[in-house]
C-alpha atoms as a PDB file:
ATOM      1  CA  MET A   1      93.565 120.828  85.031  1.00  0.00           C
ATOM      2  CA  THR A   2      95.292 123.350  87.162  1.00  0.00           C
ATOM      3  CA  HIS A   3      98.911 122.088  87.438  1.00  0.00           C
ATOM      4  CA  ASP A   4      99.202 121.697  91.425  1.00  0.00           C
ATOM      5  CA  HIS A   5      95.607 119.478  90.852  1.00  0.00           C
ATOM      6  CA  LEU A   6      97.556 117.650  88.295  1.00  0.00           C
ATOM      7  CA  SER A   7     101.104 117.487  90.428  1.00  0.00           C
ATOM      8  CA  ASP A   8      98.187 116.370  93.451  1.00  0.00           C
ATOM      9  CA  LYS A   9      97.200 113.469  91.535  1.00  0.00           C
ATOM     10  CA  ILE A  10      99.739 111.926  89.787  1.00  0.00           C
ATOM     11  CA  MET A  11     101.543 111.613  92.930  1.00  0.00           C
ATOM     12  CA  ARG A  12      98.753 110.019  94.978  1.00  0.00           C
ATOM     13  CA  ARG A  13      99.033 107.755  92.326  1.00  0.00           C
ATOM     14  CA  ALA A  14     103.131 106.848  92.712  1.00  0.00           C
ATOM     15  CA  VAL A  15     102.410 107.203  96.287  1.00  0.00           C
ATOM     16  CA  ALA A  16      99.715 104.284  96.098  1.00  0.00           C
ATOM     17  CA  LEU A  17     101.407 102.265  93.631  1.00  0.00           C
ATOM     18  CA  ALA A  18     104.702 102.487  96.114  1.00  0.00           C
ATOM     19  CA  THR A  19     103.123 100.735  98.799  1.00  0.00           C
ATOM     20  CA  ALA A  20     101.762  98.041  97.213  1.00  0.00           C
ATOM     21  CA  ALA A  21     105.446  97.361  95.878  1.00  0.00           C
ATOM     22  CA  GLY A  22     106.501  97.678  99.059  1.00  0.00           C
ATOM     23  CA  ALA A  23     103.619  95.781 100.515  1.00  0.00           C
ATOM     24  CA  ALA A  24     104.573  92.820  98.246  1.00  0.00           C
ATOM     25  CA  GLY A  25     108.705  92.909  99.426  1.00  0.00           C
ATOM     26  CA  GLU A  26     109.926  95.572  96.209  1.00  0.00           C
ATOM     27  CA  VAL A  27     111.468  98.858  97.685  1.00  0.00           C
ATOM     28  CA  PRO A  28     108.641 100.889  97.768  1.00  0.00           C
ATOM     29  CA  VAL A  29     109.481 102.935  94.349  1.00  0.00           C
ATOM     30  CA  ALA A  30     106.803 103.603  91.335  1.00  0.00           C
ATOM     31  CA  ALA A  31     107.240 105.751  88.824  1.00  0.00           C
ATOM     32  CA  ILE A  32     104.813 106.742  85.758  1.00  0.00           C
ATOM     33  CA  ILE A  33     104.867 108.346  82.819  1.00  0.00           C
ATOM     34  CA  THR A  34     102.128 111.451  81.221  1.00  0.00           C
ATOM     35  CA  ASP A  35     101.621 113.386  78.025  1.00  0.00           C
ATOM     36  CA  THR A  36     101.893 117.041  78.264  1.00  0.00           C
ATOM     37  CA  GLU A  37      98.118 116.664  78.951  1.00  0.00           C
ATOM     38  CA  GLY A  38      98.956 114.836  82.095  1.00  0.00           C
ATOM     39  CA  GLN A  39      97.169 111.728  81.184  1.00  0.00           C
ATOM     40  CA  ILE A  40      98.930 108.341  82.250  1.00  0.00           C
ATOM     41  CA  ILE A  41     100.501 106.768  79.428  1.00  0.00           C
ATOM     42  CA  ALA A  42     102.515 103.887  81.582  1.00  0.00           C
ATOM     43  CA  GLU A  43     103.323 103.076  85.293  1.00  0.00           C
ATOM     44  CA  ALA A  44     105.634 100.558  86.840  1.00  0.00           C
ATOM     45  CA  VAL A  45     107.253  99.998  90.298  1.00  0.00           C
ATOM     46  CA  ASN A  46     110.564  98.667  91.299  1.00  0.00           C
ATOM     47  CA  ALA A  47     109.993  94.861  90.400  1.00  0.00           C
ATOM     48  CA  MET A  48     114.075  93.675  91.189  1.00  0.00           C
ATOM     49  CA  GLU A  49     113.166  91.151  93.533  1.00  0.00           C
ATOM     50  CA  GLU A  50     110.161  89.705  90.967  1.00  0.00           C
ATOM     51  CA  MET A  51     112.319  89.995  88.381  1.00  0.00           C
ATOM     52  CA  GLY A  52     115.889  89.041  89.633  1.00  0.00           C
ATOM     53  CA  GLN A  53     117.373  91.563  87.938  1.00  0.00           C
ATOM     54  CA  ALA A  54     119.292  94.569  89.206  1.00  0.00           C
ATOM     55  CA  THR A  55     118.041  96.804  86.896  1.00  0.00           C
ATOM     56  CA  ALA A  56     113.997  96.489  87.168  1.00  0.00           C
ATOM     57  CA  HIS A  57     113.816 100.247  88.463  1.00  0.00           C
ATOM     58  CA  ALA A  58     110.506 101.947  88.673  1.00  0.00           C
ATOM     59  CA  GLU A  59     112.229 104.255  86.116  1.00  0.00           C
ATOM     60  CA  MET A  60     113.580 101.616  83.614  1.00  0.00           C
ATOM     61  CA  ARG A  61     110.833  99.987  83.329  1.00  0.00           C
ATOM     62  CA  VAL A  62     108.099 103.215  82.737  1.00  0.00           C
ATOM     63  CA  ILE A  63     110.456 103.880  80.257  1.00  0.00           C
ATOM     64  CA  GLN A  64     110.575 100.988  78.278  1.00  0.00           C
ATOM     65  CA  MET A  65     106.660 100.199  78.968  1.00  0.00           C
ATOM     66  CA  ALA A  66     106.344 104.325  77.530  1.00  0.00           C
ATOM     67  CA  MET A  67     108.585 103.872  74.617  1.00  0.00           C
ATOM     68  CA  VAL A  68     106.586 100.133  73.376  1.00  0.00           C
ATOM     69  CA  LYS A  69     103.293 101.797  74.127  1.00  0.00           C
ATOM     70  CA  THR A  70     103.840 104.933  71.877  1.00  0.00           C
ATOM     71  CA  GLY A  71     106.557 103.393  69.631  1.00  0.00           C
ATOM     72  CA  ILE A  72     108.655 106.440  70.327  1.00  0.00           C
ATOM     73  CA  ALA A  73     112.352 106.331  71.263  1.00  0.00           C
ATOM     74  CA  ARG A  74     112.201 109.803  72.337  1.00  0.00           C
ATOM     75  CA  LEU A  75     109.417 110.972  74.860  1.00  0.00           C
ATOM     76  CA  SER A  76     110.671 114.627  74.547  1.00  0.00           C
ATOM     77  CA  ASP A  77     106.858 115.029  74.920  1.00  0.00           C
ATOM     78  CA  TYR A  78     106.284 113.699  77.821  1.00  0.00           C
ATOM     79  CA  ASP A  79     107.490 113.748  81.854  1.00  0.00           C
ATOM     80  CA  ILE A  80     108.096 111.311  84.592  1.00  0.00           C
ATOM     81  CA  TRP A  81     106.844 111.444  88.184  1.00  0.00           C
ATOM     82  CA  VAL A  82     108.638 109.243  90.389  1.00  0.00           C
ATOM     83  CA  THR A  83     108.394 108.506  94.123  1.00  0.00           C
ATOM     84  CA  LEU A  84     112.518 108.975  94.860  1.00  0.00           C
ATOM     85  CA  GLU A  85     115.347 110.986  93.697  1.00  0.00           C
ATOM     86  CA  PRO A  86     116.785 108.838  90.267  1.00  0.00           C
ATOM     87  CA  CYS A  87     119.681 106.958  90.856  1.00  0.00           C
ATOM     88  CA  ALA A  88     122.521 107.251  88.219  1.00  0.00           C
ATOM     89  CA  MET A  89     121.419 104.500  86.409  1.00  0.00           C
ATOM     90  CA  CYS A  90     117.762 105.505  85.758  1.00  0.00           C
ATOM     91  CA  ALA A  91     119.336 109.257  85.444  1.00  0.00           C
ATOM     92  CA  GLY A  92     121.011 108.414  82.588  1.00  0.00           C
ATOM     93  CA  ALA A  93     118.117 106.648  81.179  1.00  0.00           C
ATOM     94  CA  ILE A  94     116.041 109.755  81.423  1.00  0.00           C
ATOM     95  CA  SER A  95     118.818 111.824  80.040  1.00  0.00           C
ATOM     96  CA  HIS A  96     118.850 109.022  77.021  1.00  0.00           C
ATOM     97  CA  ALA A  97     115.243 108.918  76.721  1.00  0.00           C
ATOM     98  CA  ARG A  98     114.642 112.667  76.271  1.00  0.00           C
ATOM     99  CA  LEU A  99     111.907 112.893  78.577  1.00  0.00           C
ATOM    100  CA  ARG A 100     110.605 116.907  78.865  1.00  0.00           C
ATOM    101  CA  ARG A 101     110.275 117.056  82.760  1.00  0.00           C
ATOM    102  CA  LEU A 102     111.463 114.928  86.049  1.00  0.00           C
ATOM    103  CA  TYR A 103     109.374 115.399  89.123  1.00  0.00           C
ATOM    104  CA  PHE A 104     110.073 113.299  91.902  1.00  0.00           C
ATOM    105  CA  GLY A 105     109.129 113.399  95.554  1.00  0.00           C
ATOM    106  CA  ALA A 106     111.766 111.948  98.561  1.00  0.00           C
ATOM    107  CA  TYR A 107     115.238 113.337  98.221  1.00  0.00           C
ATOM    108  CA  ASP A 108     117.525 110.795  98.236  1.00  0.00           C
ATOM    109  CA  PRO A 109     121.189 111.879  99.571  1.00  0.00           C
ATOM    110  CA  LYS A 110     122.690 108.310  99.442  1.00  0.00           C
ATOM    111  CA  GLY A 111     121.859 107.022  96.118  1.00  0.00           C
ATOM    112  CA  GLY A 112     120.306 109.844  94.142  1.00  0.00           C
ATOM    113  CA  ALA A 113     122.344 111.203  91.174  1.00  0.00           C
ATOM    114  CA  VAL A 114     120.219 114.398  90.538  1.00  0.00           C
ATOM    115  CA  GLU A 115     120.530 116.405  93.508  1.00  0.00           C
ATOM    116  CA  HIS A 116     123.322 113.908  95.104  1.00  0.00           C
ATOM    117  CA  GLY A 117     126.182 112.291  94.280  1.00  0.00           C
ATOM    118  CA  PRO A 118     126.900 113.117  91.293  1.00  0.00           C
ATOM    119  CA  CYS A 119     124.067 115.504  89.883  1.00  0.00           C
ATOM    120  CA  LEU A 120     124.256 113.686  86.472  1.00  0.00           C
ATOM    121  CA  PHE A 121     122.218 116.753  84.877  1.00  0.00           C
ATOM    122  CA  SER A 122     124.648 119.356  85.298  1.00  0.00           C
ATOM    123  CA  GLN A 123     127.342 117.650  83.815  1.00  0.00           C
ATOM    124  CA  LYS A 124     128.717 119.283  80.164  1.00  0.00           C
ATOM    125  CA  THR A 125     128.367 115.597  78.886  1.00  0.00           C
ATOM    126  CA  ILE A 126     125.004 114.802  79.713  1.00  0.00           C
ATOM    127  CA  HIS A 127     122.946 114.057  76.449  1.00  0.00           C
ATOM    128  CA  HIS A 128     119.618 116.098  77.917  1.00  0.00           C
ATOM    129  CA  GLN A 129     118.443 117.903  80.999  1.00  0.00           C
ATOM    130  CA  PRO A 130     115.012 117.520  82.224  1.00  0.00           C
ATOM    131  CA  GLU A 131     112.927 120.377  83.473  1.00  0.00           C
ATOM    132  CA  ILE A 132     113.525 119.270  87.372  1.00  0.00           C
ATOM    133  CA  LEU A 133     111.074 119.668  90.297  1.00  0.00           C
ATOM    134  CA  GLY A 134     111.922 117.595  93.395  1.00  0.00           C
ATOM    135  CA  GLY A 135     110.012 117.138  96.760  1.00  0.00           C
ATOM    136  CA  ILE A 136     107.109 117.157  95.511  1.00  0.00           C
ATOM    137  CA  TYR A 137     104.888 114.770  97.825  1.00  0.00           C
ATOM    138  CA  GLU A 138     108.087 114.764  99.335  1.00  0.00           C
ATOM    139  CA  ARG A 139     106.956 113.521 103.416  1.00  0.00           C
ATOM    140  CA  ALA A 140     104.722 110.516 101.736  1.00  0.00           C
ATOM    141  CA  CYS A 141     107.556 109.719  99.802  1.00  0.00           C
ATOM    142  CA  ALA A 142     110.125 109.643 102.128  1.00  0.00           C
ATOM    143  CA  GLU A 143     107.697 107.880 104.980  1.00  0.00           C
ATOM    144  CA  LEU A 144     107.146 105.223 102.860  1.00  0.00           C
ATOM    145  CA  LEU A 145     110.820 104.363 102.421  1.00  0.00           C
ATOM    146  CA  GLY A 146     111.579 104.934 105.914  1.00  0.00           C
ATOM    147  CA  LYS A 147     108.627 102.131 107.081  1.00  0.00           C
ATOM    148  CA  PHE A 148     110.021  99.955 104.550  1.00  0.00           C
ATOM    149  CA  PHE A 149     113.394 100.226 105.394  1.00  0.00           C
ATOM    150  CA  LYS A 150     112.746  99.949 109.060  1.00  0.00           C
ATOM    151  CA  GLU A 151     110.708  96.811 109.038  1.00  0.00           C
ATOM    152  CA  LYS A 152     113.389  95.042 106.959  1.00  0.00           C
ATOM    153  CA  ARG A 153     116.091  96.727 109.659  1.00  0.00           C
ATOM    154  CA  ASP A 154     113.445  95.076 112.678  1.00  0.00           C
ATOM    155  CA  SER A 155     112.084  91.777 111.001  1.00  0.00           C
ATOM    156  CA  SER A 156     116.085  91.195 110.418  1.00  0.00           C
ATOM    157  CA  ALA A 157     117.603  92.002 113.785  1.00  0.00           C
END
C-alpha cells in the first residue's frame, strides 16, 4: 500500500470518527494509532462530555488504548493520526509514549502546541520528537470543526 493511499485511508476513517463524535456533542476530533504496516491498532474520539473529564482528548485515550492492547509503554514502532493539531497535553503524551510519527489534519493556531503556541517538539527539554506531518486532509478536518463550533454559537445565541 502506498503512503498516499494509506494516508487517505486512515484520515478518511479519522474524519468519519470525528464526524460521529461531533454528532454526539463532543468536539469532533479523532485519533488513530497504526503500526508500521498501517494496520489500525486503536482509535478514539474526544469524550470530554461523555466521560466528564477534561483530559479525555482523543489522543490521550488512543495512546492509553494502544498501550493496553500492545502491552508496551513505549510506542516507538507506531504512528498517531489526529484530525487536529495536538494541544500541549496531548503533544506531551505523544512525546512520552515515544510515538514514531505524528500525522495531523487541521492546524490549530489557538490551542495547538506542535506548530503553534509552545511548539513543544522544538523545545530543548522535550524527551522525544516524532516525525511530524501536518495538513493531511486539512480542509475536511477544519470544515468539520468550523461547522461544529458555528452550530454551537448559533444554538446559544
